[in-house]
């Protein structure tokens, strides 16, 4: 399984918690730090990685072998996490 981690640099609008509501309860999936680091919550296991935002995508690198995963950023600034994560928006 591809293990992914972190997002983009300062000033790109990515900071804080990204996730979605499940039955009225907020579920944080990714937490973007100000230093280019991201924490990814995978069913209670926290993975740490690096991220970069470019070309309308966030590239997260981490996990075994340092693999990189690209996620599309939609028009509302939410992240398309595909079937694994779903759509993740910034916590309000």
C-alpha atoms as a PDB file:
ATOM      1  CA  UNK A   1       0.000   0.000   0.000  1.00  0.00           C
ATOM      2  CA  UNK A   2       1.246   3.417  -0.893  1.00  0.00           C
ATOM      3  CA  UNK A   3       1.917   5.435   2.230  1.00  0.00           C
ATOM      4  CA  UNK A   4       1.770   9.172   1.705  1.00  0.00           C
ATOM      5  CA  UNK A   5       2.555  12.254   3.726  1.00  0.00           C
ATOM      6  CA  UNK A   6       3.103  16.008   3.316  1.00  0.00           C
ATOM      7  CA  UNK A   7       1.991  19.141   1.305  1.00  0.00           C
ATOM      8  CA  UNK A   8       3.059  22.604   0.120  1.00  0.00           C
ATOM      9  CA  UNK A   9       5.150  25.540   1.240  1.00  0.00           C
ATOM     10  CA  UNK A  10       4.260  28.728   3.076  1.00  0.00           C
ATOM     11  CA  UNK A  11       1.879  31.208   1.502  1.00  0.00           C
ATOM     12  CA  UNK A  12       0.032  28.694  -0.680  1.00  0.00           C
ATOM     13  CA  UNK A  13      -3.079  28.548   1.488  1.00  0.00           C
ATOM     14  CA  UNK A  14      -2.490  25.058   2.828  1.00  0.00           C
ATOM     15  CA  UNK A  15      -2.303  25.008   6.592  1.00  0.00           C
ATOM     16  CA  UNK A  16      -4.327  23.409   9.320  1.00  0.00           C
ATOM     17  CA  UNK A  17      -6.655  20.434   9.328  1.00  0.00           C
ATOM     18  CA  UNK A  18      -8.206  18.933   6.199  1.00  0.00           C
ATOM     19  CA  UNK A  19     -10.888  16.290   6.350  1.00  0.00           C
ATOM     20  CA  UNK A  20     -14.659  15.928   6.256  1.00  0.00           C
ATOM     21  CA  UNK A  21     -17.731  15.385   8.400  1.00  0.00           C
ATOM     22  CA  UNK A  22     -18.899  11.814   9.000  1.00  0.00           C
ATOM     23  CA  UNK A  23     -22.383  11.575  10.521  1.00  0.00           C
ATOM     24  CA  UNK A  24     -21.999  15.092  11.905  1.00  0.00           C
ATOM     25  CA  UNK A  25     -18.569  14.444  13.465  1.00  0.00           C
ATOM     26  CA  UNK A  26     -15.428  16.055  12.037  1.00  0.00           C
ATOM     27  CA  UNK A  27     -12.746  13.618  10.889  1.00  0.00           C
ATOM     28  CA  UNK A  28      -9.274  15.081  10.314  1.00  0.00           C
ATOM     29  CA  UNK A  29      -7.312  13.195   7.671  1.00  0.00           C
ATOM     30  CA  UNK A  30      -4.417  15.548   6.896  1.00  0.00           C
ATOM     31  CA  UNK A  31      -2.865  18.236   9.079  1.00  0.00           C
ATOM     32  CA  UNK A  32      -0.577  20.636   7.209  1.00  0.00           C
ATOM     33  CA  UNK A  33       2.204  22.254   9.214  1.00  0.00           C
ATOM     34  CA  UNK A  34       3.836  25.571   8.343  1.00  0.00           C
ATOM     35  CA  UNK A  35       7.216  23.976   7.671  1.00  0.00           C
ATOM     36  CA  UNK A  36       6.226  21.872   4.629  1.00  0.00           C
ATOM     37  CA  UNK A  37       5.356  18.915   6.813  1.00  0.00           C
ATOM     38  CA  UNK A  38       2.038  17.058   6.851  1.00  0.00           C
ATOM     39  CA  UNK A  39       0.560  14.474   9.184  1.00  0.00           C
ATOM     40  CA  UNK A  40      -1.709  11.907   7.581  1.00  0.00           C
ATOM     41  CA  UNK A  41      -4.142   9.964   9.767  1.00  0.00           C
ATOM     42  CA  UNK A  42      -4.586   6.496   8.295  1.00  0.00           C
ATOM     43  CA  UNK A  43      -7.182   4.776  10.483  1.00  0.00           C
ATOM     44  CA  UNK A  44      -5.541   5.938  13.711  1.00  0.00           C
ATOM     45  CA  UNK A  45      -1.946   5.542  12.520  1.00  0.00           C
ATOM     46  CA  UNK A  46      -0.189   8.876  11.988  1.00  0.00           C
ATOM     47  CA  UNK A  47       2.217   9.094   9.061  1.00  0.00           C
ATOM     48  CA  UNK A  48       4.502  12.119   8.666  1.00  0.00           C
ATOM     49  CA  UNK A  49       5.741  13.398   5.333  1.00  0.00           C
ATOM     50  CA  UNK A  50       6.575  16.403   3.200  1.00  0.00           C
ATOM     51  CA  UNK A  51       4.357  18.250   0.746  1.00  0.00           C
ATOM     52  CA  UNK A  52       4.588  20.652  -2.166  1.00  0.00           C
ATOM     53  CA  UNK A  53       1.789  22.449  -4.027  1.00  0.00           C
ATOM     54  CA  UNK A  54       2.157  23.102  -7.755  1.00  0.00           C
ATOM     55  CA  UNK A  55       0.147  22.922 -10.960  1.00  0.00           C
ATOM     56  CA  UNK A  56      -3.184  22.595  -9.120  1.00  0.00           C
ATOM     57  CA  UNK A  57      -2.066  19.559  -7.153  1.00  0.00           C
ATOM     58  CA  UNK A  58      -0.557  18.799  -3.790  1.00  0.00           C
ATOM     59  CA  UNK A  59       2.330  16.327  -3.909  1.00  0.00           C
ATOM     60  CA  UNK A  60       2.860  14.353  -0.720  1.00  0.00           C
ATOM     61  CA  UNK A  61       6.051  12.365  -0.212  1.00  0.00           C
ATOM     62  CA  UNK A  62       6.686   9.862   2.532  1.00  0.00           C
ATOM     63  CA  UNK A  63       6.189   6.318   3.653  1.00  0.00           C
ATOM     64  CA  UNK A  64       8.337   3.372   2.767  1.00  0.00           C
ATOM     65  CA  UNK A  65      10.648   4.182  -0.101  1.00  0.00           C
ATOM     66  CA  UNK A  66       9.787   7.889  -0.131  1.00  0.00           C
ATOM     67  CA  UNK A  67       7.056   7.523  -2.738  1.00  0.00           C
ATOM     68  CA  UNK A  68       5.138  10.610  -3.909  1.00  0.00           C
ATOM     69  CA  UNK A  69       1.353  10.778  -4.356  1.00  0.00           C
ATOM     70  CA  UNK A  70      -0.393  13.639  -6.192  1.00  0.00           C
ATOM     71  CA  UNK A  71      -3.834  14.896  -5.128  1.00  0.00           C
ATOM     72  CA  UNK A  72      -5.928  17.325  -7.196  1.00  0.00           C
ATOM     73  CA  UNK A  73      -7.051  20.593  -5.609  1.00  0.00           C
ATOM     74  CA  UNK A  74     -10.600  21.550  -6.607  1.00  0.00           C
ATOM     75  CA  UNK A  75     -12.056  25.016  -7.270  1.00  0.00           C
ATOM     76  CA  UNK A  76     -13.096  25.379  -3.610  1.00  0.00           C
ATOM     77  CA  UNK A  77      -9.567  24.622  -2.368  1.00  0.00           C
ATOM     78  CA  UNK A  78     -10.519  21.115  -1.215  1.00  0.00           C
ATOM     79  CA  UNK A  79      -8.323  18.092  -1.873  1.00  0.00           C
ATOM     80  CA  UNK A  80      -9.579  15.174  -3.968  1.00  0.00           C
ATOM     81  CA  UNK A  81      -8.378  12.127  -2.048  1.00  0.00           C
ATOM     82  CA  UNK A  82      -9.958   9.610  -4.402  1.00  0.00           C
ATOM     83  CA  UNK A  83     -11.615   6.449  -3.119  1.00  0.00           C
ATOM     84  CA  UNK A  84      -9.191   6.095  -0.214  1.00  0.00           C
ATOM     85  CA  UNK A  85      -9.731   9.497   1.458  1.00  0.00           C
ATOM     86  CA  UNK A  86     -12.669  11.153  -0.330  1.00  0.00           C
ATOM     87  CA  UNK A  87     -12.899  14.934  -0.622  1.00  0.00           C
ATOM     88  CA  UNK A  88     -11.043  16.744   2.162  1.00  0.00           C
ATOM     89  CA  UNK A  89     -11.718  20.407   2.919  1.00  0.00           C
ATOM     90  CA  UNK A  90     -10.137  22.732   5.441  1.00  0.00           C
ATOM     91  CA  UNK A  91     -11.724  22.652   8.876  1.00  0.00           C
ATOM     92  CA  UNK A  92     -13.734  25.838   9.489  1.00  0.00           C
END
